[in-house]
Every structure is written in structure tokens, then in C-alpha cells.
Amino acid sequence: DTDRALVLLEEYCKKLRKPEEQQLKKAIRKVMGIFKSSLFQALLGSFTKKTTRHGTTSYPSLSAALACDVLGCPKD
């Protein structure tokens, strides 16, 4: 759930106060902005409708993939 992810990210950002944590905080805020965007919400709606038609729901993996792309998570 995107709304729950935003709440958790906001709570985590509040804990990031050290100077060395500011880059992470900036990246998290960028992800939060993307999650809040109307484009992301439209894509998410389109994606979940498409996968539901095939009997699967990959909603959490879409958010995780986007977050890893923005934050630079290592690929498997």
C-alpha cells in the first residue's frame, strides 16, 4: 500500500538527523515525491489492473523496483 509506505518513509526521515544521513534523507524524499505524483498513481493503477487480469498482483514489487532504481539498490 503506497499510503502506508509514505507514512513509514516519513517516520524514518524524521529519524535521519546526522550530517552523513542527509544524502539518504534526500533520496527518500525523492521517492516519496514520486509515490505522491499523479503519474505514479496512474501507472500503478494501470499496472495493477493489467496484472489482475492475468491472475497475479505485483503491486509491492513495482514500488520496490522504483525505490531501488531511485536509491541505487544493487541488482540481483
PDB file of N, CA and C in Angstrom:
ATOM      1  N   ASP A   1       0.845  -1.184   0.000  1.00  0.00           N
ATOM      2  CA  ASP A   1       0.000   0.000   0.000  1.00  0.00           C
ATOM      3  C   ASP A   1       0.888   1.244   0.000  1.00  0.00           C
ATOM      4  N   THR A   2       0.708   2.062  -1.001  1.00  0.00           N
ATOM      5  CA  THR A   2       1.544   3.254  -1.178  1.00  0.00           C
ATOM      6  C   THR A   2       1.386   4.234  -0.026  1.00  0.00           C
ATOM      7  N   ASP A   3       0.171   4.403   0.457  1.00  0.00           N
ATOM      8  CA  ASP A   3      -0.053   5.337   1.569  1.00  0.00           C
ATOM      9  C   ASP A   3       0.700   4.894   2.816  1.00  0.00           C
ATOM     10  N   ARG A   4       0.680   3.616   3.104  1.00  0.00           N
ATOM     11  CA  ARG A   4       1.404   3.083   4.277  1.00  0.00           C
ATOM     12  C   ARG A   4       2.911   3.258   4.089  1.00  0.00           C
ATOM     13  N   ALA A   5       3.389   3.026   2.879  1.00  0.00           N
ATOM     14  CA  ALA A   5       4.818   3.211   2.599  1.00  0.00           C
ATOM     15  C   ALA A   5       5.225   4.664   2.824  1.00  0.00           C
ATOM     16  N   LEU A   6       4.380   5.592   2.415  1.00  0.00           N
ATOM     17  CA  LEU A   6       4.678   7.012   2.619  1.00  0.00           C
ATOM     18  C   LEU A   6       4.749   7.361   4.101  1.00  0.00           C
ATOM     19  N   VAL A   7       3.840   6.816   4.887  1.00  0.00           N
ATOM     20  CA  VAL A   7       3.848   7.068   6.335  1.00  0.00           C
ATOM     21  C   VAL A   7       5.141   6.535   6.950  1.00  0.00           C
ATOM     22  N   LEU A   8       5.514   5.322   6.579  1.00  0.00           N
ATOM     23  CA  LEU A   8       6.731   4.715   7.130  1.00  0.00           C
ATOM     24  C   LEU A   8       7.984   5.475   6.691  1.00  0.00           C
ATOM     25  N   LEU A   9       8.018   5.890   5.438  1.00  0.00           N
ATOM     26  CA  LEU A   9       9.170   6.658   4.958  1.00  0.00           C
ATOM     27  C   LEU A   9       9.279   7.998   5.673  1.00  0.00           C
ATOM     28  N   GLU A  10       8.152   8.647   5.902  1.00  0.00           N
ATOM     29  CA  GLU A  10       8.149   9.926   6.615  1.00  0.00           C
ATOM     30  C   GLU A  10       8.659   9.754   8.046  1.00  0.00           C
ATOM     31  N   GLU A  11       8.196   8.707   8.714  1.00  0.00           N
ATOM     32  CA  GLU A  11       8.660   8.429  10.079  1.00  0.00           C
ATOM     33  C   GLU A  11      10.163   8.177  10.097  1.00  0.00           C
ATOM     34  N   TYR A  12      10.648   7.428   9.113  1.00  0.00           N
ATOM     35  CA  TYR A  12      12.074   7.126   9.040  1.00  0.00           C
ATOM     36  C   TYR A  12      12.878   8.396   8.773  1.00  0.00           C
ATOM     37  N   CYS A  13      12.388   9.251   7.890  1.00  0.00           N
ATOM     38  CA  CYS A  13      13.084  10.504   7.571  1.00  0.00           C
ATOM     39  C   CYS A  13      13.250  11.390   8.798  1.00  0.00           C
ATOM     40  N   LYS A  14      12.268  11.388   9.656  1.00  0.00           N
ATOM     41  CA  LYS A  14      12.341  12.201  10.871  1.00  0.00           C
ATOM     42  C   LYS A  14      13.493  11.771  11.775  1.00  0.00           C
ATOM     43  N   LYS A  15      13.909  10.515  11.661  1.00  0.00           N
ATOM     44  CA  LYS A  15      14.998   9.984  12.490  1.00  0.00           C
ATOM     45  C   LYS A  15      16.377  10.283  11.900  1.00  0.00           C
ATOM     46  N   LEU A  16      16.419  10.697  10.658  1.00  0.00           N
ATOM     47  CA  LEU A  16      17.692  10.966   9.988  1.00  0.00           C
ATOM     48  C   LEU A  16      18.119  12.402  10.267  1.00  0.00           C
ATOM     49  N   ARG A  17      19.029  12.566  11.198  1.00  0.00           N
ATOM     50  CA  ARG A  17      19.448  13.912  11.600  1.00  0.00           C
ATOM     51  C   ARG A  17      20.941  14.163  11.447  1.00  0.00           C
ATOM     52  N   LYS A  18      21.718  13.106  11.389  1.00  0.00           N
ATOM     53  CA  LYS A  18      23.166  13.261  11.285  1.00  0.00           C
ATOM     54  C   LYS A  18      23.542  13.775   9.903  1.00  0.00           C
ATOM     55  N   PRO A  19      24.620  14.548   9.826  1.00  0.00           N
ATOM     56  CA  PRO A  19      25.052  15.082   8.524  1.00  0.00           C
ATOM     57  C   PRO A  19      25.281  13.991   7.474  1.00  0.00           C
ATOM     58  N   GLU A  20      25.828  12.859   7.884  1.00  0.00           N
ATOM     59  CA  GLU A  20      26.102  11.782   6.929  1.00  0.00           C
ATOM     60  C   GLU A  20      24.826  11.067   6.459  1.00  0.00           C
ATOM     61  N   GLU A  21      23.705  11.339   7.094  1.00  0.00           N
ATOM     62  CA  GLU A  21      22.432  10.729   6.715  1.00  0.00           C
ATOM     63  C   GLU A  21      21.607  11.610   5.779  1.00  0.00           C
ATOM     64  N   GLN A  22      22.082  12.795   5.496  1.00  0.00           N
ATOM     65  CA  GLN A  22      21.297  13.747   4.710  1.00  0.00           C
ATOM     66  C   GLN A  22      21.132  13.327   3.250  1.00  0.00           C
ATOM     67  N   GLN A  23      22.128  12.634   2.708  1.00  0.00           N
ATOM     68  CA  GLN A  23      22.005  12.160   1.330  1.00  0.00           C
ATOM     69  C   GLN A  23      20.916  11.090   1.244  1.00  0.00           C
ATOM     70  N   LEU A  24      20.878  10.199   2.224  1.00  0.00           N
ATOM     71  CA  LEU A  24      19.823   9.185   2.275  1.00  0.00           C
ATOM     72  C   LEU A  24      18.458   9.838   2.444  1.00  0.00           C
ATOM     73  N   LYS A  25      18.391  10.828   3.317  1.00  0.00           N
ATOM     74  CA  LYS A  25      17.132  11.539   3.546  1.00  0.00           C
ATOM     75  C   LYS A  25      16.642  12.198   2.256  1.00  0.00           C
ATOM     76  N   LYS A  26      17.552  12.784   1.514  1.00  0.00           N
ATOM     77  CA  LYS A  26      17.196  13.432   0.252  1.00  0.00           C
ATOM     78  C   LYS A  26      16.660  12.399  -0.747  1.00  0.00           C
ATOM     79  N   ALA A  27      17.299  11.236  -0.817  1.00  0.00           N
ATOM     80  CA  ALA A  27      16.860  10.177  -1.733  1.00  0.00           C
ATOM     81  C   ALA A  27      15.486   9.647  -1.336  1.00  0.00           C
ATOM     82  N   ILE A  28      15.261   9.490  -0.042  1.00  0.00           N
ATOM     83  CA  ILE A  28      13.958   9.007   0.435  1.00  0.00           C
ATOM     84  C   ILE A  28      12.874  10.026   0.113  1.00  0.00           C
ATOM     85  N   ARG A  29      13.166  11.284   0.301  1.00  0.00           N
ATOM     86  CA  ARG A  29      12.185  12.337  -0.025  1.00  0.00           C
ATOM     87  C   ARG A  29      11.873  12.333  -1.524  1.00  0.00           C
ATOM     88  N   LYS A  30      12.872  12.029  -2.341  1.00  0.00           N
ATOM     89  CA  LYS A  30      12.650  11.942  -3.779  1.00  0.00           C
ATOM     90  C   LYS A  30      11.683  10.800  -4.099  1.00  0.00           C
ATOM     91  N   VAL A  31      11.887   9.654  -3.470  1.00  0.00           N
ATOM     92  CA  VAL A  31      10.985   8.509  -3.650  1.00  0.00           C
ATOM     93  C   VAL A  31       9.578   8.865  -3.187  1.00  0.00           C
ATOM     94  N   MET A  32       9.485   9.560  -2.061  1.00  0.00           N
ATOM     95  CA  MET A  32       8.171   9.961  -1.545  1.00  0.00           C
ATOM     96  C   MET A  32       7.458  10.868  -2.543  1.00  0.00           C
ATOM     97  N   GLY A  33       8.200  11.775  -3.142  1.00  0.00           N
ATOM     98  CA  GLY A  33       7.609  12.663  -4.144  1.00  0.00           C
ATOM     99  C   GLY A  33       7.091  11.894  -5.347  1.00  0.00           C
ATOM    100  N   ILE A  34       7.832  10.880  -5.744  1.00  0.00           N
ATOM    101  CA  ILE A  34       7.398  10.047  -6.865  1.00  0.00           C
ATOM    102  C   ILE A  34       6.132   9.285  -6.498  1.00  0.00           C
ATOM    103  N   PHE A  35       6.105   8.702  -5.294  1.00  0.00           N
ATOM    104  CA  PHE A  35       4.923   7.960  -4.851  1.00  0.00           C
ATOM    105  C   PHE A  35       3.687   8.857  -4.805  1.00  0.00           C
ATOM    106  N   LYS A  36       3.866  10.123  -4.492  1.00  0.00           N
ATOM    107  CA  LYS A  36       2.747  11.058  -4.389  1.00  0.00           C
ATOM    108  C   LYS A  36       2.304  11.604  -5.750  1.00  0.00           C
ATOM    109  N   SER A  37       3.116  11.443  -6.759  1.00  0.00           N
ATOM    110  CA  SER A  37       2.808  12.040  -8.059  1.00  0.00           C
ATOM    111  C   SER A  37       1.609  11.384  -8.728  1.00  0.00           C
ATOM    112  N   SER A  38       0.890  12.176  -9.477  1.00  0.00           N
ATOM    113  CA  SER A  38      -0.275  11.649 -10.196  1.00  0.00           C
ATOM    114  C   SER A  38       0.160  10.671 -11.285  1.00  0.00           C
ATOM    115  N   LEU A  39       1.329  10.881 -11.866  1.00  0.00           N
ATOM    116  CA  LEU A  39       1.826   9.958 -12.882  1.00  0.00           C
ATOM    117  C   LEU A  39       2.063   8.576 -12.268  1.00  0.00           C
ATOM    118  N   PHE A  40       2.728   8.528 -11.123  1.00  0.00           N
ATOM    119  CA  PHE A  40       2.979   7.244 -10.463  1.00  0.00           C
ATOM    120  C   PHE A  40       1.667   6.555 -10.122  1.00  0.00           C
ATOM    121  N   GLN A  41       0.715   7.308  -9.581  1.00  0.00           N
ATOM    122  CA  GLN A  41      -0.574   6.728  -9.208  1.00  0.00           C
ATOM    123  C   GLN A  41      -1.290   6.177 -10.447  1.00  0.00           C
ATOM    124  N   ALA A  42      -1.213   6.884 -11.554  1.00  0.00           N
ATOM    125  CA  ALA A  42      -1.845   6.415 -12.789  1.00  0.00           C
ATOM    126  C   ALA A  42      -1.159   5.150 -13.300  1.00  0.00           C
ATOM    127  N   LEU A  43       0.175   5.142 -13.271  1.00  0.00           N
ATOM    128  CA  LEU A  43       0.909   3.949 -13.702  1.00  0.00           C
ATOM    129  C   LEU A  43       0.621   2.774 -12.788  1.00  0.00           C
ATOM    130  N   LEU A  44       0.562   3.019 -11.518  1.00  0.00           N
ATOM    131  CA  LEU A  44       0.279   1.971 -10.550  1.00  0.00           C
ATOM    132  C   LEU A  44      -1.103   1.385 -10.793  1.00  0.00           C
ATOM    133  N   GLY A  45      -2.076   2.237 -11.025  1.00  0.00           N
ATOM    134  CA  GLY A  45      -3.430   1.772 -11.320  1.00  0.00           C
ATOM    135  C   GLY A  45      -3.472   0.953 -12.589  1.00  0.00           C
ATOM    136  N   SER A  46      -2.763   1.392 -13.613  1.00  0.00           N
ATOM    137  CA  SER A  46      -2.704   0.666 -14.878  1.00  0.00           C
ATOM    138  C   SER A  46      -1.995  -0.667 -14.693  1.00  0.00           C
ATOM    139  N   PHE A  47      -0.923  -0.678 -13.936  1.00  0.00           N
ATOM    140  CA  PHE A  47      -0.142  -1.893 -13.713  1.00  0.00           C
ATOM    141  C   PHE A  47      -0.946  -2.930 -12.946  1.00  0.00           C
ATOM    142  N   THR A  48      -1.605  -2.523 -11.882  1.00  0.00           N
ATOM    143  CA  THR A  48      -2.355  -3.489 -11.075  1.00  0.00           C
ATOM    144  C   THR A  48      -3.553  -4.021 -11.852  1.00  0.00           C
ATOM    145  N   LYS A  49      -4.202  -3.204 -12.664  1.00  0.00           N
ATOM    146  CA  LYS A  49      -5.316  -3.687 -13.477  1.00  0.00           C
ATOM    147  C   LYS A  49      -4.817  -4.714 -14.488  1.00  0.00           C
ATOM    148  N   LYS A  50      -3.674  -4.430 -15.084  1.00  0.00           N
ATOM    149  CA  LYS A  50      -3.120  -5.323 -16.091  1.00  0.00           C
ATOM    150  C   LYS A  50      -2.746  -6.669 -15.491  1.00  0.00           C
ATOM    151  N   THR A  51      -2.070  -6.666 -14.352  1.00  0.00           N
ATOM    152  CA  THR A  51      -1.653  -7.922 -13.756  1.00  0.00           C
ATOM    153  C   THR A  51      -2.831  -8.677 -13.157  1.00  0.00           C
ATOM    154  N   THR A  52      -3.830  -7.977 -12.655  1.00  0.00           N
ATOM    155  CA  THR A  52      -5.003  -8.631 -12.097  1.00  0.00           C
ATOM    156  C   THR A  52      -5.723  -9.430 -13.174  1.00  0.00           C
ATOM    157  N   ARG A  53      -5.753  -8.921 -14.372  1.00  0.00           N
ATOM    158  CA  ARG A  53      -6.376  -9.615 -15.491  1.00  0.00           C
ATOM    159  C   ARG A  53      -5.744 -10.990 -15.714  1.00  0.00           C
ATOM    160  N   HIS A  54      -4.453 -11.113 -15.382  1.00  0.00           N
ATOM    161  CA  HIS A  54      -3.732 -12.368 -15.565  1.00  0.00           C
ATOM    162  C   HIS A  54      -3.696 -13.203 -14.285  1.00  0.00           C
ATOM    163  N   GLY A  55      -4.367 -12.730 -13.252  1.00  0.00           N
ATOM    164  CA  GLY A  55      -4.464 -13.510 -12.031  1.00  0.00           C
ATOM    165  C   GLY A  55      -3.358 -13.289 -11.028  1.00  0.00           C
ATOM    166  N   THR A  56      -2.483 -12.326 -11.267  1.00  0.00           N
ATOM    167  CA  THR A  56      -1.417 -12.042 -10.308  1.00  0.00           C
ATOM    168  C   THR A  56      -1.438 -10.565  -9.945  1.00  0.00           C
ATOM    169  N   THR A  57      -0.892 -10.258  -8.801  1.00  0.00           N
ATOM    170  CA  THR A  57      -0.773  -8.867  -8.385  1.00  0.00           C
ATOM    171  C   THR A  57       0.670  -8.622  -7.951  1.00  0.00           C
ATOM    172  N   SER A  58       1.357  -7.743  -8.667  1.00  0.00           N
ATOM    173  CA  SER A  58       2.756  -7.442  -8.377  1.00  0.00           C
ATOM    174  C   SER A  58       2.925  -6.046  -7.819  1.00  0.00           C
ATOM    175  N   TYR A  59       1.906  -5.505  -7.224  1.00  0.00           N
ATOM    176  CA  TYR A  59       1.906  -4.140  -6.718  1.00  0.00           C
ATOM    177  C   TYR A  59       3.114  -3.818  -5.844  1.00  0.00           C
ATOM    178  N   PRO A  60       3.431  -4.615  -4.801  1.00  0.00           N
ATOM    179  CA  PRO A  60       4.580  -4.248  -3.969  1.00  0.00           C
ATOM    180  C   PRO A  60       5.900  -4.254  -4.723  1.00  0.00           C
ATOM    181  N   SER A  61       6.054  -5.162  -5.685  1.00  0.00           N
ATOM    182  CA  SER A  61       7.322  -5.226  -6.396  1.00  0.00           C
ATOM    183  C   SER A  61       7.537  -4.009  -7.290  1.00  0.00           C
ATOM    184  N   LEU A  62       6.453  -3.411  -7.790  1.00  0.00           N
ATOM    185  CA  LEU A  62       6.596  -2.196  -8.582  1.00  0.00           C
ATOM    186  C   LEU A  62       7.161  -1.071  -7.738  1.00  0.00           C
ATOM    187  N   SER A  63       6.617  -0.884  -6.545  1.00  0.00           N
ATOM    188  CA  SER A  63       7.116   0.157  -5.650  1.00  0.00           C
ATOM    189  C   SER A  63       8.560  -0.113  -5.251  1.00  0.00           C
ATOM    190  N   ALA A  64       8.862  -1.358  -4.951  1.00  0.00           N
ATOM    191  CA  ALA A  64      10.220  -1.715  -4.565  1.00  0.00           C
ATOM    192  C   ALA A  64      11.193  -1.492  -5.715  1.00  0.00           C
ATOM    193  N   ALA A  65      10.784  -1.844  -6.913  1.00  0.00           N
ATOM    194  CA  ALA A  65      11.656  -1.655  -8.074  1.00  0.00           C
ATOM    195  C   ALA A  65      11.924  -0.180  -8.307  1.00  0.00           C
ATOM    196  N   LEU A  66      10.894   0.640  -8.177  1.00  0.00           N
ATOM    197  CA  LEU A  66      11.064   2.080  -8.357  1.00  0.00           C
ATOM    198  C   LEU A  66      11.972   2.645  -7.270  1.00  0.00           C
ATOM    199  N   ALA A  67      11.758   2.237  -6.027  1.00  0.00           N
ATOM    200  CA  ALA A  67      12.582   2.726  -4.927  1.00  0.00           C
ATOM    201  C   ALA A  67      14.040   2.340  -5.143  1.00  0.00           C
ATOM    202  N   CYS A  68      14.280   1.109  -5.553  1.00  0.00           N
ATOM    203  CA  CYS A  68      15.657   0.669  -5.793  1.00  0.00           C
ATOM    204  C   CYS A  68      16.286   1.417  -6.958  1.00  0.00           C
ATOM    205  N   ASP A  69      15.499   1.703  -7.962  1.00  0.00           N
ATOM    206  CA  ASP A  69      16.019   2.456  -9.094  1.00  0.00           C
ATOM    207  C   ASP A  69      16.442   3.852  -8.663  1.00  0.00           C
ATOM    208  N   VAL A  70      15.614   4.520  -7.880  1.00  0.00           N
ATOM    209  CA  VAL A  70      15.906   5.885  -7.427  1.00  0.00           C
ATOM    210  C   VAL A  70      17.043   5.877  -6.411  1.00  0.00           C
ATOM    211  N   LEU A  71      17.030   4.919  -5.479  1.00  0.00           N
ATOM    212  CA  LEU A  71      18.034   4.896  -4.413  1.00  0.00           C
ATOM    213  C   LEU A  71      19.325   4.202  -4.840  1.00  0.00           C
ATOM    214  N   GLY A  72      19.308   3.545  -5.981  1.00  0.00           N
ATOM    215  CA  GLY A  72      20.518   2.894  -6.454  1.00  0.00           C
ATOM    216  C   GLY A  72      20.793   1.579  -5.762  1.00  0.00           C
ATOM    217  N   CYS A  73      19.773   0.780  -5.489  1.00  0.00           N
ATOM    218  CA  CYS A  73      19.945  -0.523  -4.865  1.00  0.00           C
ATOM    219  C   CYS A  73      20.678  -1.445  -5.823  1.00  0.00           C
ATOM    220  N   PRO A  74      21.485  -2.361  -5.273  1.00  0.00           N
ATOM    221  CA  PRO A  74      22.195  -3.293  -6.147  1.00  0.00           C
ATOM    222  C   PRO A  74      21.225  -4.257  -6.823  1.00  0.00           C
ATOM    223  N   LYS A  75      21.535  -4.652  -8.026  1.00  0.00           N
ATOM    224  CA  LYS A  75      20.724  -5.603  -8.775  1.00  0.00           C
ATOM    225  C   LYS A  75      21.115  -7.004  -8.362  1.00  0.00           C
ATOM    226  N   ASP A  76      20.158  -7.951  -8.473  1.00  0.00           N
ATOM    227  CA  ASP A  76      20.439  -9.362  -8.151  1.00  0.00           C
ATOM    228  C   ASP A  76      21.336  -9.970  -9.198  1.00  0.00           C
TER     229      ASP A  76
END
